[in-house]
Amino acid sequence: MAAQNFDLAVVGHFAIDTLLLPNRTKPFVVLGGAATYTSFSAKHLDATASVISRVGGNFPDAYLWWVEQEGISITNVKKIESEPSTCFELTYSPDFAQRTLKLKSKGAPINPADLPKNLHAKAIHVAPIANEVNYETVEQLKKQADILSLDPQGLLRSFDEAGNVTENASVDNRILSLINIYKASQNEILAQTGQNELKQAIKTIHDYGVGTVIVTQGSKGSVLSIEGAQYNIGSCPSQVLVDPTGAGDVFIGAYLVEYLRQKEMLWCAAVGSAAASCVLEGIGPTYFGKKEEIYRRANVLYEKELKQ
């Protein structure tokens, strides 16, 4: 079996998202999931990308065709007709400051047996959205990557019978000992660590051996912590705010691409911020901006705020 080599592989469920956006009279049903946004982001910056995922019989073939047309490998996406796909309903407040998630259906886990033996990636990003990845799966992925990164959002989520989502699940923190780069929202890192203050929460993640911690803060930008040295990364302004879904996933996809190109860390974060500002301008994963525009916005942020 021929070896599969990629710059970035993303592991997690594709999803079917129903977006309820303010000022829109009808819901939008679109391809979703962190794996979508992260892989699309990387590919738009000319990285080679693959997704390892598992979907059910209700997952549209058109979505898989779309991903493939974007130039992303779906060789390692399993479609099992007898299983459900992960489906979410996302409702945003009028100012986009609040989002309510509801799980409509949950896909089967991605187990070690689902992982391709012949794949190697410079970076593998673990991006679960509904508890689909466990420690044993991440342990196997560690052997197939030079760099392993994690977004813990899907590990933290609990679901009641109605599908309402809360971030209070018990996480197997052994996973953190395998990770090089950790990216979470501020609410997520506080929930995972049980800390009340961000600085202490970041330290807690570093104490597991994680070298780089990124905390996204929406319109406030993000915090980048490298071996305990912290930097505030501003947000890039968007021309229009249409849909904030996936912005953090786009950030880490762009960050990892520049990181693999051995760029300076603050520049990597600037590109992440710039890429995130572009995806906000479209609905779902339909718009990522031209590569030249991403780098233009990144350069403005880097030169204005970050370059020392």
Protein backbone atom coordinates (compact mmCIF):
# COMPACT_ATOMS: atom_id res chain seq x y z
CA MET A 1 0.00 0.00 0.00
CA ALA A 2 1.43 3.34 -1.07
CA ALA A 3 2.35 5.76 1.68
CA GLN A 4 0.16 8.81 2.25
CA ASN A 5 2.13 11.94 3.11
CA PHE A 6 0.52 15.28 3.89
CA ASP A 7 1.41 18.59 5.43
CA LEU A 8 -1.70 18.43 7.62
CA ALA A 9 -4.20 15.75 8.53
CA VAL A 10 -7.29 16.65 10.54
CA VAL A 11 -9.14 14.08 12.63
CA GLY A 12 -12.77 14.57 13.63
CA HIS A 13 -16.32 14.28 12.41
CA PHE A 14 -17.59 16.12 9.42
CA ALA A 15 -20.96 17.52 10.41
CA ILE A 16 -24.22 18.67 8.90
CA ASP A 17 -24.81 22.11 10.40
CA THR A 18 -28.10 23.99 10.49
CA LEU A 19 -27.23 27.66 10.99
CA LEU A 20 -29.80 30.04 12.46
CA LEU A 21 -28.28 33.45 11.82
CA PRO A 22 -29.66 36.85 12.88
CA ASN A 23 -31.23 38.89 10.12
CA ARG A 24 -31.73 35.74 8.04
CA THR A 25 -35.29 34.52 7.68
CA LYS A 26 -34.43 30.92 6.85
CA PRO A 27 -31.91 28.45 8.31
CA PHE A 28 -28.92 27.43 6.25
CA VAL A 29 -27.92 23.76 6.11
CA VAL A 30 -24.21 23.48 5.33
CA LEU A 31 -21.19 21.24 5.64
CA GLY A 32 -19.69 21.75 9.09
CA GLY A 33 -17.31 20.41 11.68
CA ALA A 34 -13.88 21.58 12.77
CA ALA A 35 -12.31 19.14 10.31
CA THR A 36 -13.94 21.05 7.45
CA TYR A 37 -12.83 24.53 8.46
CA THR A 38 -9.30 23.54 9.48
CA SER A 39 -8.56 21.54 6.34
CA PHE A 40 -10.09 24.15 4.02
CA SER A 41 -8.02 26.85 5.73
CA ALA A 42 -4.80 24.92 5.27
CA LYS A 43 -5.55 24.11 1.64
CA HIS A 44 -6.28 27.76 0.85
CA LEU A 45 -2.70 28.50 1.92
CA ASP A 46 -1.41 25.81 -0.45
CA ALA A 47 -0.75 23.05 2.09
CA THR A 48 -1.55 19.43 1.32
CA ALA A 49 -4.38 18.25 3.55
CA SER A 50 -6.31 15.11 4.45
CA VAL A 51 -9.29 14.46 6.70
CA ILE A 52 -9.79 11.33 8.80
CA SER A 53 -13.49 11.13 9.57
CA ARG A 54 -16.55 8.90 9.83
CA VAL A 55 -19.97 9.82 8.48
CA GLY A 56 -23.33 8.10 8.22
CA GLY A 57 -25.81 7.31 5.52
CA ASN A 58 -27.52 10.70 5.77
CA PHE A 59 -24.30 12.56 4.92
CA PRO A 60 -24.67 14.05 1.41
CA ASP A 61 -22.31 12.71 -1.22
CA ALA A 62 -22.26 16.28 -2.54
CA TYR A 63 -20.42 17.37 0.59
CA LEU A 64 -17.70 14.76 0.04
CA TRP A 65 -17.49 15.85 -3.59
CA TRP A 66 -17.10 19.46 -2.42
CA VAL A 67 -14.26 18.59 -0.06
CA GLU A 68 -12.51 16.61 -2.80
CA GLN A 69 -12.94 19.46 -5.28
CA GLU A 70 -11.18 21.73 -2.79
CA GLY A 71 -8.14 19.47 -3.18
CA ILE A 72 -8.43 17.77 0.22
CA SER A 73 -7.94 14.02 0.43
CA ILE A 74 -11.03 12.08 1.60
CA THR A 75 -9.38 8.67 1.20
CA ASN A 76 -9.63 8.21 4.95
CA VAL A 77 -13.27 9.22 5.34
CA LYS A 78 -15.50 6.23 6.09
CA LYS A 79 -19.16 6.41 5.14
CA ILE A 80 -21.24 3.79 6.93
CA GLU A 81 -24.80 3.74 5.60
CA SER A 82 -26.27 2.17 8.75
CA GLU A 83 -24.86 4.87 11.04
CA PRO A 84 -25.96 8.46 11.70
CA SER A 85 -23.82 11.50 10.98
CA THR A 86 -23.12 14.18 13.54
CA CYS A 87 -25.61 17.00 13.05
CA PHE A 88 -25.78 20.28 14.96
CA GLU A 89 -28.16 23.21 15.10
CA LEU A 90 -26.36 26.49 15.81
CA THR A 91 -28.33 29.56 16.89
CA TYR A 92 -26.66 32.97 17.16
CA SER A 93 -27.77 35.99 19.17
CA PRO A 94 -28.43 39.24 17.24
CA ASP A 95 -24.93 40.57 17.98
CA PHE A 96 -23.27 37.18 17.38
CA ALA A 97 -21.84 37.33 20.91
CA GLN A 98 -23.69 34.19 22.04
CA ARG A 99 -24.12 30.84 20.33
CA THR A 100 -26.43 28.01 21.36
CA LEU A 101 -25.60 24.51 20.17
CA LYS A 102 -28.03 21.62 19.93
CA LEU A 103 -27.00 18.13 18.89
CA LYS A 104 -29.51 16.59 16.48
CA SER A 105 -27.63 13.31 15.93
CA LYS A 106 -24.27 11.88 16.89
CA GLY A 107 -21.93 9.86 14.74
CA ALA A 108 -19.94 6.80 15.76
CA PRO A 109 -16.49 7.17 17.37
CA ILE A 110 -13.26 7.29 15.39
CA ASN A 111 -11.32 4.36 16.83
CA PRO A 112 -7.69 3.27 16.32
CA ALA A 113 -8.94 0.67 13.82
CA ASP A 114 -10.32 3.51 11.67
CA LEU A 115 -6.90 5.12 11.28
CA PRO A 116 -4.88 4.47 8.13
CA LYS A 117 -1.63 2.66 8.83
CA ASN A 118 0.13 4.15 5.81
CA LEU A 119 -0.46 7.83 6.63
CA HIS A 120 2.14 10.28 7.89
CA ALA A 121 1.63 14.01 8.28
CA LYS A 122 3.94 16.81 9.30
CA ALA A 123 1.12 17.87 11.62
CA ILE A 124 -2.03 16.11 12.74
CA HIS A 125 -4.76 18.24 14.27
CA VAL A 126 -7.19 16.39 16.52
CA ALA A 127 -10.53 18.20 16.27
CA PRO A 128 -13.43 16.25 17.79
CA ILE A 129 -16.86 17.86 17.95
CA ALA A 130 -18.95 15.20 19.74
CA ASN A 131 -16.73 12.95 21.90
CA GLU A 132 -15.64 10.91 18.88
CA VAL A 133 -11.92 10.64 19.75
CA ASN A 134 -10.39 8.93 22.80
CA TYR A 135 -6.92 8.60 24.30
CA GLU A 136 -6.08 5.40 22.43
CA THR A 137 -6.87 7.02 19.10
CA VAL A 138 -4.71 10.05 19.88
CA GLU A 139 -1.91 7.76 21.10
CA GLN A 140 -1.89 6.05 17.70
CA LEU A 141 -1.98 9.40 15.86
CA LYS A 142 1.09 10.53 17.82
CA LYS A 143 3.10 7.87 15.99
CA GLN A 144 2.05 9.21 12.61
CA ALA A 145 2.87 12.91 13.00
CA ASP A 146 5.85 15.16 13.61
CA ILE A 147 3.57 17.64 15.41
CA LEU A 148 0.31 16.85 17.17
CA SER A 149 -2.21 19.58 17.95
CA LEU A 150 -5.55 19.48 19.74
CA ASP A 151 -8.78 21.43 19.92
CA PRO A 152 -10.59 19.91 22.93
CA GLN A 153 -14.05 21.37 22.23
CA GLY A 154 -15.65 18.04 21.35
CA LEU A 155 -14.14 16.31 24.36
CA LEU A 156 -15.67 18.84 26.75
CA ARG A 157 -19.22 18.64 25.44
CA SER A 158 -22.03 16.89 27.30
CA PHE A 159 -25.43 16.36 25.72
CA ASP A 160 -28.78 15.93 27.44
CA GLU A 161 -31.69 13.96 25.97
CA ALA A 162 -32.88 17.01 24.04
CA GLY A 163 -29.43 17.55 22.54
CA ASN A 164 -28.61 20.66 24.55
CA VAL A 165 -24.87 21.15 24.86
CA THR A 166 -22.83 22.06 27.93
CA GLU A 167 -19.06 22.12 28.41
CA ASN A 168 -18.81 19.98 31.53
CA ALA A 169 -17.74 16.55 30.30
CA SER A 170 -14.90 14.81 32.10
CA VAL A 171 -11.84 14.84 29.84
CA ASP A 172 -9.10 12.21 29.84
CA ASN A 173 -6.25 14.64 30.38
CA ARG A 174 -3.69 11.98 29.51
CA ILE A 175 -4.28 13.19 25.97
CA LEU A 176 -2.52 16.47 26.85
CA SER A 177 0.74 14.62 27.50
CA LEU A 178 0.78 13.68 23.79
CA ILE A 179 0.13 17.18 22.43
CA ASN A 180 2.58 19.81 21.12
CA ILE A 181 0.06 22.58 20.32
CA TYR A 182 -3.24 23.21 22.12
CA LYS A 183 -5.96 25.56 20.84
CA ALA A 184 -9.17 26.32 22.72
CA SER A 185 -11.58 29.13 23.38
CA GLN A 186 -11.32 30.90 26.73
CA ASN A 187 -14.45 29.17 28.03
CA GLU A 188 -13.13 25.78 26.95
CA ILE A 189 -9.72 26.05 28.59
CA LEU A 190 -11.29 27.27 31.84
CA ALA A 191 -13.75 24.37 31.75
CA GLN A 192 -11.07 21.79 31.04
CA THR A 193 -8.66 22.97 33.72
CA GLY A 194 -11.21 23.93 36.36
CA GLN A 195 -9.44 27.26 36.79
CA ASN A 196 -11.09 30.66 37.15
CA GLU A 197 -8.24 32.74 35.73
CA LEU A 198 -6.87 32.43 32.21
CA LYS A 199 -3.21 32.76 33.19
CA GLN A 200 -3.46 29.84 35.60
CA ALA A 201 -5.45 27.78 33.10
CA ILE A 202 -2.72 28.25 30.49
CA LYS A 203 -0.07 27.24 33.02
CA THR A 204 -2.06 24.10 33.83
CA ILE A 205 -2.02 23.04 30.17
CA HIS A 206 1.72 23.78 29.89
CA ASP A 207 2.34 21.65 32.96
CA TYR A 208 1.23 18.59 30.98
CA GLY A 209 4.15 19.22 28.62
CA VAL A 210 2.30 21.19 25.95
CA GLY A 211 4.74 23.68 24.41
CA THR A 212 2.29 26.04 22.69
CA VAL A 213 -1.11 27.12 24.01
CA ILE A 214 -3.47 29.28 21.95
CA VAL A 215 -6.63 30.73 23.48
CA THR A 216 -9.11 32.35 21.12
CA GLN A 217 -11.25 35.21 22.46
CA GLY A 218 -13.55 36.08 19.57
CA SER A 219 -13.45 39.74 18.56
CA LYS A 220 -10.82 40.40 21.25
CA GLY A 221 -8.28 38.31 19.36
CA SER A 222 -6.29 35.56 21.02
CA VAL A 223 -3.56 34.78 23.51
CA LEU A 224 -0.48 32.89 22.37
CA SER A 225 1.63 31.25 25.07
CA ILE A 226 4.92 29.60 24.15
CA GLU A 227 6.73 27.86 26.99
CA GLY A 228 4.98 30.30 29.36
CA ALA A 229 5.77 33.53 27.48
CA GLN A 230 2.42 35.13 26.62
CA TYR A 231 1.52 37.41 23.74
CA ASN A 232 -1.76 39.15 22.93
CA ILE A 233 -2.74 38.73 19.30
CA GLY A 234 -5.26 41.22 17.98
CA SER A 235 -8.13 40.34 15.69
CA CYS A 236 -8.11 41.45 12.08
CA PRO A 237 -11.16 43.50 11.05
CA SER A 238 -13.61 41.81 8.68
CA GLN A 239 -15.29 43.75 5.91
CA VAL A 240 -18.65 42.35 7.05
CA LEU A 241 -19.72 39.87 9.73
CA VAL A 242 -21.98 37.22 8.21
CA ASP A 243 -21.27 34.01 10.14
CA PRO A 244 -18.63 33.39 12.85
CA THR A 245 -18.87 29.59 12.65
CA GLY A 246 -15.48 27.91 12.36
CA ALA A 247 -13.33 31.00 12.90
CA GLY A 248 -11.19 29.33 15.57
CA ASP A 249 -10.75 26.25 13.37
CA VAL A 250 -9.64 28.43 10.47
CA PHE A 251 -7.19 30.18 12.80
CA ILE A 252 -5.45 26.95 13.80
CA GLY A 253 -5.38 25.65 10.23
CA ALA A 254 -3.57 28.77 9.02
CA TYR A 255 -1.34 28.87 12.11
CA LEU A 256 -0.18 25.29 11.56
CA VAL A 257 0.62 25.87 7.89
CA GLU A 258 2.90 28.79 8.70
CA TYR A 259 4.37 26.89 11.68
CA LEU A 260 5.31 24.00 9.39
CA ARG A 261 7.02 26.51 7.12
CA GLN A 262 9.14 27.46 10.14
CA LYS A 263 7.83 31.00 10.29
CA GLU A 264 8.19 33.14 13.42
CA MET A 265 5.47 32.35 15.97
CA LEU A 266 3.86 35.80 16.07
CA TRP A 267 3.66 35.77 12.29
CA CYS A 268 1.93 32.37 12.43
CA ALA A 269 -0.64 33.85 14.81
CA ALA A 270 -1.12 36.91 12.60
CA VAL A 271 -1.88 34.67 9.62
CA GLY A 272 -4.31 32.70 11.77
CA SER A 273 -6.10 35.87 12.78
CA ALA A 274 -6.21 37.11 9.19
CA ALA A 275 -7.61 33.84 7.86
CA ALA A 276 -10.27 33.81 10.58
CA SER A 277 -11.34 37.35 9.65
CA CYS A 278 -12.00 36.21 6.08
CA VAL A 279 -14.20 33.20 6.86
CA LEU A 280 -16.51 35.48 8.90
CA GLU A 281 -17.50 37.17 5.65
CA GLY A 282 -19.36 34.17 4.22
CA ILE A 283 -21.89 31.57 5.36
CA GLY A 284 -20.39 28.34 6.61
CA PRO A 285 -17.25 27.14 4.80
CA THR A 286 -18.12 28.94 1.57
CA TYR A 287 -15.63 31.80 1.71
CA PHE A 288 -12.02 31.83 2.89
CA GLY A 289 -10.64 34.83 1.04
CA LYS A 290 -7.82 34.85 -1.44
CA LYS A 291 -4.41 33.85 -0.19
CA GLU A 292 -3.03 37.26 -1.08
CA GLU A 293 -5.69 39.00 1.01
CA ILE A 294 -5.01 36.76 4.01
CA TYR A 295 -1.32 37.61 3.90
CA ARG A 296 -2.07 41.31 3.38
CA ARG A 297 -4.24 41.41 6.51
CA ALA A 298 -1.67 39.38 8.42
CA ASN A 299 1.10 41.77 7.46
CA VAL A 300 -0.92 44.78 8.62
CA LEU A 301 -1.53 43.15 12.02
CA TYR A 302 2.06 41.95 12.34
CA GLU A 303 3.66 45.27 11.43
CA LYS A 304 1.23 47.35 13.47
CA GLU A 305 0.92 45.35 16.66
CA LEU A 306 3.24 42.37 16.89
CA LYS A 307 6.61 43.07 15.32
CA GLN A 308 9.19 44.13 17.86
